[in-house]
């Protein structure tokens, strides 16, 4: 039986568990706060410490916020800041993270094959049915996204950085600070407006809303979004660590 250490890295916390081939957790999930400032070396040590508290595994899947191509960090929004999401960007951290081979560094550190994807892509791998056009949006510190066609992962687009209104990005428009400022009722209405605006862009067969804040969407707003929009549990960010290896992109992006 092949086991997978799945680590879901967010702006506020990092969660991990070990899963079997069926995606069943073999250990209780663990969570630690994301430390800041966070250079890549500390990121690796944090993941090693977290993994060391769990049973050993045969391979590793890590979901990281930002643009990840073939296991290399193109850009990450939170980890280049001095004290966490929406704080000042540190030029030295920006230089360290840009172009960092996360897949190679983590495979070497853990001594097992590693797969590093955008966190929303791993989340999506845990929920998509594998038929038709399926869009995944994760709601948490900001907005994450992943698109699947027939179960095949499309190249990642940083939808969160696109302007949505008055020069404000999606990341800011529906992120956690705005939810706190608006309250759940008005924030839920805003989520519905975003879904309505994206529908003619993607023409999805199914839209999955995940992430820690998806459970806070008011039922009346979710009902108005349509039957093709469903809320999925945040645990998908860990459970997807197994199914991510079955993706076409995943097979290319694994390294021993």
C-alpha atoms as a PDB file:
ATOM      1  CA  UNK A   1       0.000   0.000   0.000  1.00  0.00           C
ATOM      2  CA  UNK A   2       1.376   3.392  -1.056  1.00  0.00           C
ATOM      3  CA  UNK A   3       0.917   6.113   1.543  1.00  0.00           C
ATOM      4  CA  UNK A   4       1.011   9.860   0.910  1.00  0.00           C
ATOM      5  CA  UNK A   5       1.995  12.691   3.213  1.00  0.00           C
ATOM      6  CA  UNK A   6      -0.316  15.510   2.110  1.00  0.00           C
ATOM      7  CA  UNK A   7       0.463  19.062   3.254  1.00  0.00           C
ATOM      8  CA  UNK A   8      -1.919  21.954   2.597  1.00  0.00           C
ATOM      9  CA  UNK A   9      -0.085  25.275   2.968  1.00  0.00           C
ATOM     10  CA  UNK A  10      -2.104  28.433   3.513  1.00  0.00           C
ATOM     11  CA  UNK A  11      -1.497  32.025   4.435  1.00  0.00           C
ATOM     12  CA  UNK A  12      -2.526  31.504   8.047  1.00  0.00           C
ATOM     13  CA  UNK A  13      -1.854  27.831   8.698  1.00  0.00           C
ATOM     14  CA  UNK A  14      -0.267  24.652   7.385  1.00  0.00           C
ATOM     15  CA  UNK A  15      -2.179  21.355   7.710  1.00  0.00           C
ATOM     16  CA  UNK A  16      -0.978  17.805   7.100  1.00  0.00           C
ATOM     17  CA  UNK A  17      -1.985  14.172   7.330  1.00  0.00           C
ATOM     18  CA  UNK A  18      -0.979  10.781   5.924  1.00  0.00           C
ATOM     19  CA  UNK A  19      -3.407   9.012   3.592  1.00  0.00           C
ATOM     20  CA  UNK A  20      -3.688   5.558   2.077  1.00  0.00           C
ATOM     21  CA  UNK A  21      -4.332   4.811  -1.605  1.00  0.00           C
ATOM     22  CA  UNK A  22      -8.095   5.270  -1.127  1.00  0.00           C
ATOM     23  CA  UNK A  23      -7.576   8.757   0.284  1.00  0.00           C
ATOM     24  CA  UNK A  24      -8.460   7.710   3.831  1.00  0.00           C
ATOM     25  CA  UNK A  25      -6.533   9.555   6.516  1.00  0.00           C
ATOM     26  CA  UNK A  26      -4.256   7.217   8.467  1.00  0.00           C
ATOM     27  CA  UNK A  27      -3.521   9.848  11.104  1.00  0.00           C
ATOM     28  CA  UNK A  28      -5.350  12.728  12.685  1.00  0.00           C
ATOM     29  CA  UNK A  29      -4.649  15.949  10.737  1.00  0.00           C
ATOM     30  CA  UNK A  30      -2.172  18.323  12.325  1.00  0.00           C
ATOM     31  CA  UNK A  31      -2.055  22.097  11.925  1.00  0.00           C
ATOM     32  CA  UNK A  32       0.553  24.707  12.750  1.00  0.00           C
ATOM     33  CA  UNK A  33       0.439  28.479  12.197  1.00  0.00           C
ATOM     34  CA  UNK A  34       2.334  29.675   9.148  1.00  0.00           C
ATOM     35  CA  UNK A  35       5.491  31.353  10.487  1.00  0.00           C
ATOM     36  CA  UNK A  36       6.579  34.774   9.254  1.00  0.00           C
ATOM     37  CA  UNK A  37       8.886  35.938   7.867  1.00  0.00           C
ATOM     38  CA  UNK A  38       9.134  32.710   5.857  1.00  0.00           C
ATOM     39  CA  UNK A  39      12.198  32.157   3.659  1.00  0.00           C
ATOM     40  CA  UNK A  40      12.215  28.864   1.686  1.00  0.00           C
ATOM     41  CA  UNK A  41      14.665  27.244   4.128  1.00  0.00           C
ATOM     42  CA  UNK A  42      12.295  27.825   7.058  1.00  0.00           C
ATOM     43  CA  UNK A  43       9.380  26.630   4.921  1.00  0.00           C
ATOM     44  CA  UNK A  44      11.168  23.315   4.351  1.00  0.00           C
ATOM     45  CA  UNK A  45      12.037  22.955   8.060  1.00  0.00           C
ATOM     46  CA  UNK A  46       8.443  23.711   9.052  1.00  0.00           C
ATOM     47  CA  UNK A  47       7.138  21.003   6.745  1.00  0.00           C
ATOM     48  CA  UNK A  48       9.791  18.550   7.941  1.00  0.00           C
ATOM     49  CA  UNK A  49       8.862  19.184  11.569  1.00  0.00           C
ATOM     50  CA  UNK A  50       5.174  18.720  10.792  1.00  0.00           C
ATOM     51  CA  UNK A  51       5.797  15.560   8.803  1.00  0.00           C
ATOM     52  CA  UNK A  52       7.995  14.190  11.584  1.00  0.00           C
ATOM     53  CA  UNK A  53       4.974  14.164  13.896  1.00  0.00           C
ATOM     54  CA  UNK A  54       3.055  11.901  11.508  1.00  0.00           C
ATOM     55  CA  UNK A  55       3.595   8.301  10.327  1.00  0.00           C
ATOM     56  CA  UNK A  56       6.192   7.835   7.599  1.00  0.00           C
ATOM     57  CA  UNK A  57       4.891   7.940   4.030  1.00  0.00           C
ATOM     58  CA  UNK A  58       6.065   6.764   0.605  1.00  0.00           C
ATOM     59  CA  UNK A  59       5.540  10.064  -1.189  1.00  0.00           C
ATOM     60  CA  UNK A  60       4.749  13.716  -0.583  1.00  0.00           C
ATOM     61  CA  UNK A  61       2.150  16.139  -1.972  1.00  0.00           C
ATOM     62  CA  UNK A  62       2.336  19.834  -1.110  1.00  0.00           C
ATOM     63  CA  UNK A  63      -0.174  22.515  -2.070  1.00  0.00           C
ATOM     64  CA  UNK A  64       1.280  26.034  -2.077  1.00  0.00           C
ATOM     65  CA  UNK A  65      -0.573  29.323  -2.664  1.00  0.00           C
ATOM     66  CA  UNK A  66       0.506  31.112  -5.819  1.00  0.00           C
ATOM     67  CA  UNK A  67       1.720  30.276  -9.302  1.00  0.00           C
ATOM     68  CA  UNK A  68       3.574  26.955  -9.396  1.00  0.00           C
ATOM     69  CA  UNK A  69       4.896  25.587 -12.698  1.00  0.00           C
ATOM     70  CA  UNK A  70       6.460  22.132 -12.812  1.00  0.00           C
ATOM     71  CA  UNK A  71       7.192  22.340  -9.112  1.00  0.00           C
ATOM     72  CA  UNK A  72       8.933  25.714  -9.375  1.00  0.00           C
ATOM     73  CA  UNK A  73       7.551  28.812  -7.651  1.00  0.00           C
ATOM     74  CA  UNK A  74       6.805  31.555 -10.175  1.00  0.00           C
ATOM     75  CA  UNK A  75       5.091  33.750  -7.580  1.00  0.00           C
ATOM     76  CA  UNK A  76       3.547  33.327  -4.139  1.00  0.00           C
ATOM     77  CA  UNK A  77       1.496  36.123  -2.556  1.00  0.00           C
ATOM     78  CA  UNK A  78       1.896  35.523   1.186  1.00  0.00           C
ATOM     79  CA  UNK A  79       5.297  34.001   1.788  1.00  0.00           C
ATOM     80  CA  UNK A  80       7.179  36.975   0.364  1.00  0.00           C
ATOM     81  CA  UNK A  81       5.744  39.318   2.999  1.00  0.00           C
ATOM     82  CA  UNK A  82       7.344  40.396   6.255  1.00  0.00           C
ATOM     83  CA  UNK A  83       4.562  39.434   8.638  1.00  0.00           C
ATOM     84  CA  UNK A  84       1.898  37.570   6.693  1.00  0.00           C
ATOM     85  CA  UNK A  85      -0.900  38.178   4.182  1.00  0.00           C
ATOM     86  CA  UNK A  86      -1.288  41.806   3.043  1.00  0.00           C
ATOM     87  CA  UNK A  87       1.735  43.025   4.968  1.00  0.00           C
ATOM     88  CA  UNK A  88       4.693  44.660   3.239  1.00  0.00           C
ATOM     89  CA  UNK A  89       6.601  42.608   0.662  1.00  0.00           C
ATOM     90  CA  UNK A  90      10.214  41.913   1.617  1.00  0.00           C
ATOM     91  CA  UNK A  91      12.484  42.291  -1.454  1.00  0.00           C
ATOM     92  CA  UNK A  92      14.904  39.654  -0.149  1.00  0.00           C
ATOM     93  CA  UNK A  93      12.090  37.118   0.352  1.00  0.00           C
ATOM     94  CA  UNK A  94      10.699  37.951  -3.077  1.00  0.00           C
ATOM     95  CA  UNK A  95      14.076  37.143  -4.617  1.00  0.00           C
ATOM     96  CA  UNK A  96      14.422  33.895  -2.639  1.00  0.00           C
ATOM     97  CA  UNK A  97      10.981  32.566  -3.546  1.00  0.00           C
ATOM     98  CA  UNK A  98      10.950  33.604  -7.207  1.00  0.00           C
ATOM     99  CA  UNK A  99      12.134  30.646  -9.273  1.00  0.00           C
ATOM    100  CA  UNK A 100      12.678  28.441  -6.216  1.00  0.00           C
ATOM    101  CA  UNK A 101      12.554  24.723  -7.084  1.00  0.00           C
ATOM    102  CA  UNK A 102      10.152  23.704  -4.331  1.00  0.00           C
ATOM    103  CA  UNK A 103       9.621  20.225  -5.722  1.00  0.00           C
ATOM    104  CA  UNK A 104      13.333  19.454  -5.864  1.00  0.00           C
ATOM    105  CA  UNK A 105      14.069  20.930  -2.426  1.00  0.00           C
ATOM    106  CA  UNK A 106      11.229  19.039  -0.736  1.00  0.00           C
ATOM    107  CA  UNK A 107      12.016  15.751  -2.484  1.00  0.00           C
ATOM    108  CA  UNK A 108      15.610  16.027  -1.276  1.00  0.00           C
ATOM    109  CA  UNK A 109      14.595  17.024   2.251  1.00  0.00           C
ATOM    110  CA  UNK A 110      12.024  14.240   2.722  1.00  0.00           C
ATOM    111  CA  UNK A 111      13.842  11.615   0.660  1.00  0.00           C
ATOM    112  CA  UNK A 112      10.664  10.557  -1.186  1.00  0.00           C
ATOM    113  CA  UNK A 113       9.028  11.424  -4.529  1.00  0.00           C
ATOM    114  CA  UNK A 114       7.413  14.847  -4.244  1.00  0.00           C
ATOM    115  CA  UNK A 115       4.610  16.662  -6.020  1.00  0.00           C
ATOM    116  CA  UNK A 116       4.142  20.418  -5.574  1.00  0.00           C
ATOM    117  CA  UNK A 117       1.080  22.167  -7.025  1.00  0.00           C
ATOM    118  CA  UNK A 118      -1.000  25.239  -6.361  1.00  0.00           C
ATOM    119  CA  UNK A 119      -3.097  24.609  -3.235  1.00  0.00           C
ATOM    120  CA  UNK A 120      -6.410  25.058  -5.075  1.00  0.00           C
ATOM    121  CA  UNK A 121      -5.300  22.468  -7.649  1.00  0.00           C
ATOM    122  CA  UNK A 122      -4.679  19.905  -4.917  1.00  0.00           C
ATOM    123  CA  UNK A 123      -8.018  20.848  -3.366  1.00  0.00           C
ATOM    124  CA  UNK A 124      -9.699  20.335  -6.718  1.00  0.00           C
ATOM    125  CA  UNK A 125      -8.098  16.945  -7.222  1.00  0.00           C
ATOM    126  CA  UNK A 126      -9.930  15.814  -4.121  1.00  0.00           C
ATOM    127  CA  UNK A 127     -13.407  16.765  -5.338  1.00  0.00           C
ATOM    128  CA  UNK A 128     -13.725  16.788  -9.142  1.00  0.00           C
ATOM    129  CA  UNK A 129     -15.784  14.070 -10.785  1.00  0.00           C
ATOM    130  CA  UNK A 130     -13.553  13.920 -13.854  1.00  0.00           C
ATOM    131  CA  UNK A 131     -16.294  14.681 -16.388  1.00  0.00           C
ATOM    132  CA  UNK A 132     -16.960  17.921 -18.200  1.00  0.00           C
ATOM    133  CA  UNK A 133     -15.578  21.346 -17.323  1.00  0.00           C
ATOM    134  CA  UNK A 134     -15.127  21.717 -13.562  1.00  0.00           C
ATOM    135  CA  UNK A 135     -13.988  24.898 -11.826  1.00  0.00           C
ATOM    136  CA  UNK A 136     -12.754  24.982  -8.240  1.00  0.00           C
ATOM    137  CA  UNK A 137     -12.687  28.208  -6.199  1.00  0.00           C
ATOM    138  CA  UNK A 138     -11.212  28.177  -2.701  1.00  0.00           C
ATOM    139  CA  UNK A 139     -12.232  30.869  -0.249  1.00  0.00           C
ATOM    140  CA  UNK A 140      -9.863  31.654   2.598  1.00  0.00           C
ATOM    141  CA  UNK A 141      -7.157  34.250   3.108  1.00  0.00           C
ATOM    142  CA  UNK A 142      -7.789  35.141  -0.530  1.00  0.00           C
ATOM    143  CA  UNK A 143      -9.184  33.360  -3.569  1.00  0.00           C
ATOM    144  CA  UNK A 144      -7.697  30.234  -5.132  1.00  0.00           C
ATOM    145  CA  UNK A 145      -8.747  28.654  -8.416  1.00  0.00           C
ATOM    146  CA  UNK A 146      -8.209  25.546 -10.510  1.00  0.00           C
ATOM    147  CA  UNK A 147      -9.813  24.404 -13.763  1.00  0.00           C
ATOM    148  CA  UNK A 148     -10.286  20.795 -14.876  1.00  0.00           C
ATOM    149  CA  UNK A 149     -11.536  19.448 -18.215  1.00  0.00           C
ATOM    150  CA  UNK A 150     -12.451  15.778 -18.198  1.00  0.00           C
ATOM    151  CA  UNK A 151     -10.385  15.362 -15.063  1.00  0.00           C
ATOM    152  CA  UNK A 152      -7.299  16.870 -16.697  1.00  0.00           C
ATOM    153  CA  UNK A 153      -5.826  19.882 -14.918  1.00  0.00           C
ATOM    154  CA  UNK A 154      -5.531  22.990 -17.080  1.00  0.00           C
ATOM    155  CA  UNK A 155      -2.511  25.322 -16.842  1.00  0.00           C
ATOM    156  CA  UNK A 156      -2.834  27.451 -13.743  1.00  0.00           C
ATOM    157  CA  UNK A 157      -4.176  30.992 -13.992  1.00  0.00           C
ATOM    158  CA  UNK A 158      -3.881  33.397 -11.077  1.00  0.00           C
ATOM    159  CA  UNK A 159      -7.501  34.536 -11.220  1.00  0.00           C
ATOM    160  CA  UNK A 160      -7.071  36.000  -7.740  1.00  0.00           C
ATOM    161  CA  UNK A 161      -4.861  38.787  -9.120  1.00  0.00           C
ATOM    162  CA  UNK A 162      -7.314  39.892 -11.810  1.00  0.00           C
ATOM    163  CA  UNK A 163      -9.199  43.150 -11.144  1.00  0.00           C
ATOM    164  CA  UNK A 164     -12.866  42.682 -10.366  1.00  0.00           C
ATOM    165  CA  UNK A 165     -14.103  46.153  -9.355  1.00  0.00           C
ATOM    166  CA  UNK A 166     -12.596  49.616  -8.988  1.00  0.00           C
ATOM    167  CA  UNK A 167      -9.125  48.177  -9.534  1.00  0.00           C
ATOM    168  CA  UNK A 168      -9.610  45.733  -6.642  1.00  0.00           C
ATOM    169  CA  UNK A 169      -8.448  42.161  -7.224  1.00  0.00           C
ATOM    170  CA  UNK A 170     -10.561  39.088  -6.517  1.00  0.00           C
ATOM    171  CA  UNK A 171      -8.078  38.203  -3.778  1.00  0.00           C
ATOM    172  CA  UNK A 172      -8.912  41.392  -1.907  1.00  0.00           C
ATOM    173  CA  UNK A 173     -12.573  41.564  -2.909  1.00  0.00           C
ATOM    174  CA  UNK A 174     -13.604  38.227  -1.354  1.00  0.00           C
ATOM    175  CA  UNK A 175     -10.688  37.482   1.011  1.00  0.00           C
ATOM    176  CA  UNK A 176     -10.857  37.027   4.754  1.00  0.00           C
ATOM    177  CA  UNK A 177     -10.339  40.711   5.692  1.00  0.00           C
ATOM    178  CA  UNK A 178     -13.358  41.707   3.582  1.00  0.00           C
ATOM    179  CA  UNK A 179     -15.470  38.918   5.058  1.00  0.00           C
ATOM    180  CA  UNK A 180     -14.696  40.228   8.529  1.00  0.00           C
ATOM    181  CA  UNK A 181     -15.427  43.805   7.502  1.00  0.00           C
ATOM    182  CA  UNK A 182     -18.688  43.051   5.708  1.00  0.00           C
ATOM    183  CA  UNK A 183     -20.047  40.241   7.843  1.00  0.00           C
ATOM    184  CA  UNK A 184     -21.132  36.873   6.470  1.00  0.00           C
ATOM    185  CA  UNK A 185     -24.443  38.054   5.008  1.00  0.00           C
ATOM    186  CA  UNK A 186     -23.032  40.820   2.794  1.00  0.00           C
ATOM    187  CA  UNK A 187     -19.908  38.791   2.011  1.00  0.00           C
ATOM    188  CA  UNK A 188     -22.083  35.859   0.859  1.00  0.00           C
ATOM    189  CA  UNK A 189     -23.930  38.203  -1.483  1.00  0.00           C
ATOM    190  CA  UNK A 190     -20.586  39.309  -2.869  1.00  0.00           C
ATOM    191  CA  UNK A 191     -19.573  35.676  -3.463  1.00  0.00           C
ATOM    192  CA  UNK A 192     -22.778  35.154  -5.430  1.00  0.00           C
ATOM    193  CA  UNK A 193     -22.030  38.224  -7.537  1.00  0.00           C
ATOM    194  CA  UNK A 194     -18.556  36.875  -8.288  1.00  0.00           C
ATOM    195  CA  UNK A 195     -20.013  33.501  -9.295  1.00  0.00           C
ATOM    196  CA  UNK A 196     -22.565  35.204 -11.552  1.00  0.00           C
ATOM    197  CA  UNK A 197     -19.789  37.259 -13.167  1.00  0.00           C
ATOM    198  CA  UNK A 198     -17.543  34.260 -13.809  1.00  0.00           C
ATOM    199  CA  UNK A 199     -20.251  31.977 -15.172  1.00  0.00           C
ATOM    200  CA  UNK A 200     -20.165  33.343 -18.778  1.00  0.00           C
ATOM    201  CA  UNK A 201     -16.349  33.256 -18.700  1.00  0.00           C
ATOM    202  CA  UNK A 202     -15.925  29.571 -17.829  1.00  0.00           C
ATOM    203  CA  UNK A 203     -19.294  27.988 -18.769  1.00  0.00           C
ATOM    204  CA  UNK A 204     -18.589  25.252 -16.254  1.00  0.00           C
ATOM    205  CA  UNK A 205     -20.541  22.049 -15.867  1.00  0.00           C
ATOM    206  CA  UNK A 206     -19.864  22.146 -12.143  1.00  0.00           C
ATOM    207  CA  UNK A 207     -18.413  24.765  -9.812  1.00  0.00           C
ATOM    208  CA  UNK A 208     -16.989  23.680  -6.476  1.00  0.00           C
ATOM    209  CA  UNK A 209     -16.618  26.210  -3.655  1.00  0.00           C
ATOM    210  CA  UNK A 210     -14.044  25.080  -1.099  1.00  0.00           C
ATOM    211  CA  UNK A 211     -11.590  26.489   1.399  1.00  0.00           C
ATOM    212  CA  UNK A 212     -12.164  27.324   5.031  1.00  0.00           C
ATOM    213  CA  UNK A 213     -14.651  30.129   4.383  1.00  0.00           C
ATOM    214  CA  UNK A 214     -16.933  28.297   1.953  1.00  0.00           C
ATOM    215  CA  UNK A 215     -18.929  26.894   4.870  1.00  0.00           C
ATOM    216  CA  UNK A 216     -19.828  30.484   5.844  1.00  0.00           C
ATOM    217  CA  UNK A 217     -21.781  31.184   2.657  1.00  0.00           C
ATOM    218  CA  UNK A 218     -25.397  31.825   3.586  1.00  0.00           C
ATOM    219  CA  UNK A 219     -27.817  29.109   2.350  1.00  0.00           C
ATOM    220  CA  UNK A 220     -30.101  31.622   0.638  1.00  0.00           C
ATOM    221  CA  UNK A 221     -27.200  32.966  -1.443  1.00  0.00           C
ATOM    222  CA  UNK A 222     -25.943  29.478  -2.296  1.00  0.00           C
ATOM    223  CA  UNK A 223     -29.433  28.490  -3.463  1.00  0.00           C
ATOM    224  CA  UNK A 224     -29.498  31.473  -5.849  1.00  0.00           C
ATOM    225  CA  UNK A 225     -26.216  30.377  -7.445  1.00  0.00           C
ATOM    226  CA  UNK A 226     -27.821  27.326  -9.062  1.00  0.00           C
ATOM    227  CA  UNK A 227     -27.707  23.545  -8.821  1.00  0.00           C
ATOM    228  CA  UNK A 228     -24.363  23.427 -10.617  1.00  0.00           C
ATOM    229  CA  UNK A 229     -22.619  25.133  -7.672  1.00  0.00           C
ATOM    230  CA  UNK A 230     -21.718  23.030  -4.634  1.00  0.00           C
ATOM    231  CA  UNK A 231     -19.795  23.626  -1.411  1.00  0.00           C
ATOM    232  CA  UNK A 232     -17.137  21.016  -0.616  1.00  0.00           C
ATOM    233  CA  UNK A 233     -15.292  20.368   2.676  1.00  0.00           C
ATOM    234  CA  UNK A 234     -11.988  22.048   3.379  1.00  0.00           C
ATOM    235  CA  UNK A 235     -10.424  18.626   4.059  1.00  0.00           C
ATOM    236  CA  UNK A 236     -10.253  18.218   0.274  1.00  0.00           C
ATOM    237  CA  UNK A 237      -6.998  20.179   0.440  1.00  0.00           C
ATOM    238  CA  UNK A 238      -5.457  17.171   2.171  1.00  0.00           C
ATOM    239  CA  UNK A 239      -7.483  14.331   0.614  1.00  0.00           C
ATOM    240  CA  UNK A 240      -6.604  15.648  -2.840  1.00  0.00           C
ATOM    241  CA  UNK A 241      -2.978  14.867  -2.069  1.00  0.00           C
ATOM    242  CA  UNK A 242      -3.563  11.291  -3.231  1.00  0.00           C
ATOM    243  CA  UNK A 243      -5.652  11.939  -6.330  1.00  0.00           C
ATOM    244  CA  UNK A 244      -3.296  14.696  -7.464  1.00  0.00           C
ATOM    245  CA  UNK A 245      -0.833  11.987  -8.500  1.00  0.00           C
ATOM    246  CA  UNK A 246      -3.359  10.717 -11.037  1.00  0.00           C
ATOM    247  CA  UNK A 247      -3.567  14.047 -12.857  1.00  0.00           C
ATOM    248  CA  UNK A 248      -1.797  14.418 -16.177  1.00  0.00           C
ATOM    249  CA  UNK A 249       0.109  17.403 -14.841  1.00  0.00           C
ATOM    250  CA  UNK A 250       0.894  15.533 -11.678  1.00  0.00           C
ATOM    251  CA  UNK A 251       2.624  12.711 -13.526  1.00  0.00           C
ATOM    252  CA  UNK A 252       4.906  15.208 -15.215  1.00  0.00           C
ATOM    253  CA  UNK A 253       5.561  17.157 -12.049  1.00  0.00           C
ATOM    254  CA  UNK A 254       6.598  14.327  -9.726  1.00  0.00           C
ATOM    255  CA  UNK A 255      10.244  13.936  -8.823  1.00  0.00           C
ATOM    256  CA  UNK A 256      12.047  11.233  -6.904  1.00  0.00           C
END
